[in-house]
C-alpha atoms as a PDB file:
ATOM      1  CA  UNK A   1     132.377  46.826  77.117  1.00  0.00           C
ATOM      2  CA  UNK A   2     136.107  46.184  77.007  1.00  0.00           C
ATOM      3  CA  UNK A   3     136.077  46.375  73.210  1.00  0.00           C
ATOM      4  CA  UNK A   4     134.633  49.868  73.439  1.00  0.00           C
ATOM      5  CA  UNK A   5     137.099  51.021  76.115  1.00  0.00           C
ATOM      6  CA  UNK A   6     140.092  49.710  74.189  1.00  0.00           C
ATOM      7  CA  UNK A   7     139.082  50.838  70.681  1.00  0.00           C
ATOM      8  CA  UNK A   8     140.972  54.063  69.887  1.00  0.00           C
ATOM      9  CA  UNK A   9     138.636  54.983  67.002  1.00  0.00           C
ATOM     10  CA  UNK A  10     135.496  54.787  69.129  1.00  0.00           C
ATOM     11  CA  UNK A  11     133.864  58.072  70.163  1.00  0.00           C
ATOM     12  CA  UNK A  12     135.487  59.380  73.359  1.00  0.00           C
ATOM     13  CA  UNK A  13     132.176  59.603  75.213  1.00  0.00           C
ATOM     14  CA  UNK A  14     131.425  55.963  74.366  1.00  0.00           C
ATOM     15  CA  UNK A  15     134.866  54.854  75.593  1.00  0.00           C
ATOM     16  CA  UNK A  16     134.464  56.769  78.817  1.00  0.00           C
ATOM     17  CA  UNK A  17     130.896  55.597  79.348  1.00  0.00           C
ATOM     18  CA  UNK A  18     132.001  51.991  78.971  1.00  0.00           C
ATOM     19  CA  UNK A  19     134.856  52.600  81.419  1.00  0.00           C
ATOM     20  CA  UNK A  20     132.440  54.010  83.982  1.00  0.00           C
ATOM     21  CA  UNK A  21     130.116  51.020  83.503  1.00  0.00           C
ATOM     22  CA  UNK A  22     132.992  48.581  83.996  1.00  0.00           C
ATOM     23  CA  UNK A  23     134.452  50.470  86.961  1.00  0.00           C
ATOM     24  CA  UNK A  24     132.312  48.776  89.621  1.00  0.00           C
ATOM     25  CA  UNK A  25     133.319  45.325  88.394  1.00  0.00           C
ATOM     26  CA  UNK A  26     137.098  45.686  88.095  1.00  0.00           C
ATOM     27  CA  UNK A  27     139.387  43.248  89.837  1.00  0.00           C
ATOM     28  CA  UNK A  28     143.153  43.796  89.983  1.00  0.00           C
ATOM     29  CA  UNK A  29     143.605  42.546  86.426  1.00  0.00           C
ATOM     30  CA  UNK A  30     140.782  44.835  85.275  1.00  0.00           C
ATOM     31  CA  UNK A  31     142.431  47.841  86.913  1.00  0.00           C
ATOM     32  CA  UNK A  32     145.661  47.080  85.056  1.00  0.00           C
ATOM     33  CA  UNK A  33     143.797  46.581  81.777  1.00  0.00           C
ATOM     34  CA  UNK A  34     141.991  49.914  82.188  1.00  0.00           C
ATOM     35  CA  UNK A  35     145.286  51.694  82.904  1.00  0.00           C
ATOM     36  CA  UNK A  36     146.756  50.112  79.788  1.00  0.00           C
ATOM     37  CA  UNK A  37     143.845  51.429  77.723  1.00  0.00           C
ATOM     38  CA  UNK A  38     144.366  54.862  79.300  1.00  0.00           C
ATOM     39  CA  UNK A  39     148.016  54.944  78.219  1.00  0.00           C
ATOM     40  CA  UNK A  40     146.940  54.598  74.592  1.00  0.00           C
ATOM     41  CA  UNK A  41     144.275  57.311  74.743  1.00  0.00           C
ATOM     42  CA  UNK A  42     144.911  60.540  72.841  1.00  0.00           C
ATOM     43  CA  UNK A  43     141.487  62.231  72.720  1.00  0.00           C
ATOM     44  CA  UNK A  44     141.039  65.067  75.228  1.00  0.00           C
ATOM     45  CA  UNK A  45     139.827  63.858  78.592  1.00  0.00           C
ATOM     46  CA  UNK A  46     139.824  60.169  77.721  1.00  0.00           C
ATOM     47  CA  UNK A  47     143.154  59.307  79.335  1.00  0.00           C
ATOM     48  CA  UNK A  48     142.195  61.126  82.524  1.00  0.00           C
ATOM     49  CA  UNK A  49     138.764  59.484  82.641  1.00  0.00           C
ATOM     50  CA  UNK A  50     140.084  55.969  82.027  1.00  0.00           C
ATOM     51  CA  UNK A  51     142.771  56.481  84.670  1.00  0.00           C
ATOM     52  CA  UNK A  52     140.142  57.733  87.119  1.00  0.00           C
ATOM     53  CA  UNK A  53     137.897  54.746  86.358  1.00  0.00           C
ATOM     54  CA  UNK A  54     140.824  52.388  86.947  1.00  0.00           C
ATOM     55  CA  UNK A  55     141.524  53.717  90.459  1.00  0.00           C
ATOM     56  CA  UNK A  56     139.368  52.206  93.182  1.00  0.00           C
ATOM     57  CA  UNK A  57     139.932  55.337  95.270  1.00  0.00           C
ATOM     58  CA  UNK A  58     138.392  57.727  92.717  1.00  0.00           C
ATOM     59  CA  UNK A  59     135.335  59.508  94.072  1.00  0.00           C
ATOM     60  CA  UNK A  60     132.239  60.097  91.974  1.00  0.00           C
ATOM     61  CA  UNK A  61     133.052  63.826  92.000  1.00  0.00           C
ATOM     62  CA  UNK A  62     136.569  63.179  90.645  1.00  0.00           C
ATOM     63  CA  UNK A  63     135.163  60.923  87.950  1.00  0.00           C
ATOM     64  CA  UNK A  64     132.565  63.534  86.997  1.00  0.00           C
ATOM     65  CA  UNK A  65     135.324  66.152  86.754  1.00  0.00           C
ATOM     66  CA  UNK A  66     137.315  63.932  84.385  1.00  0.00           C
ATOM     67  CA  UNK A  67     134.215  63.165  82.306  1.00  0.00           C
ATOM     68  CA  UNK A  68     133.506  66.874  81.900  1.00  0.00           C
ATOM     69  CA  UNK A  69     136.746  67.175  79.893  1.00  0.00           C
ATOM     70  CA  UNK A  70     135.779  64.544  77.301  1.00  0.00           C
ATOM     71  CA  UNK A  71     135.003  65.958  73.873  1.00  0.00           C
ATOM     72  CA  UNK A  72     133.697  63.952  70.910  1.00  0.00           C
ATOM     73  CA  UNK A  73     134.488  66.827  68.574  1.00  0.00           C
ATOM     74  CA  UNK A  74     138.153  65.808  68.819  1.00  0.00           C
ATOM     75  CA  UNK A  75     137.325  62.754  66.707  1.00  0.00           C
ATOM     76  CA  UNK A  76     137.496  64.847  63.551  1.00  0.00           C
ATOM     77  CA  UNK A  77     141.152  65.628  64.244  1.00  0.00           C
ATOM     78  CA  UNK A  78     141.930  61.956  64.902  1.00  0.00           C
ATOM     79  CA  UNK A  79     140.434  60.671  61.661  1.00  0.00           C
END
């Protein structure tokens, strides 16, 4: 899952889905690693979603709001 989260050329929805899957299992080091991956994200919505997944205090509603902004169509402009 980490490979997907950290791979900048992976589809944004895949990166965010992997982040959500990992979210429940993050320890302090995992939170820092997720934030690091977020800093490198450029696709719309990905940074916000990875940051939300990294915060233990993020509600499901906040995470859903961030996920709604993710757009795979942006991959064509990143290629």
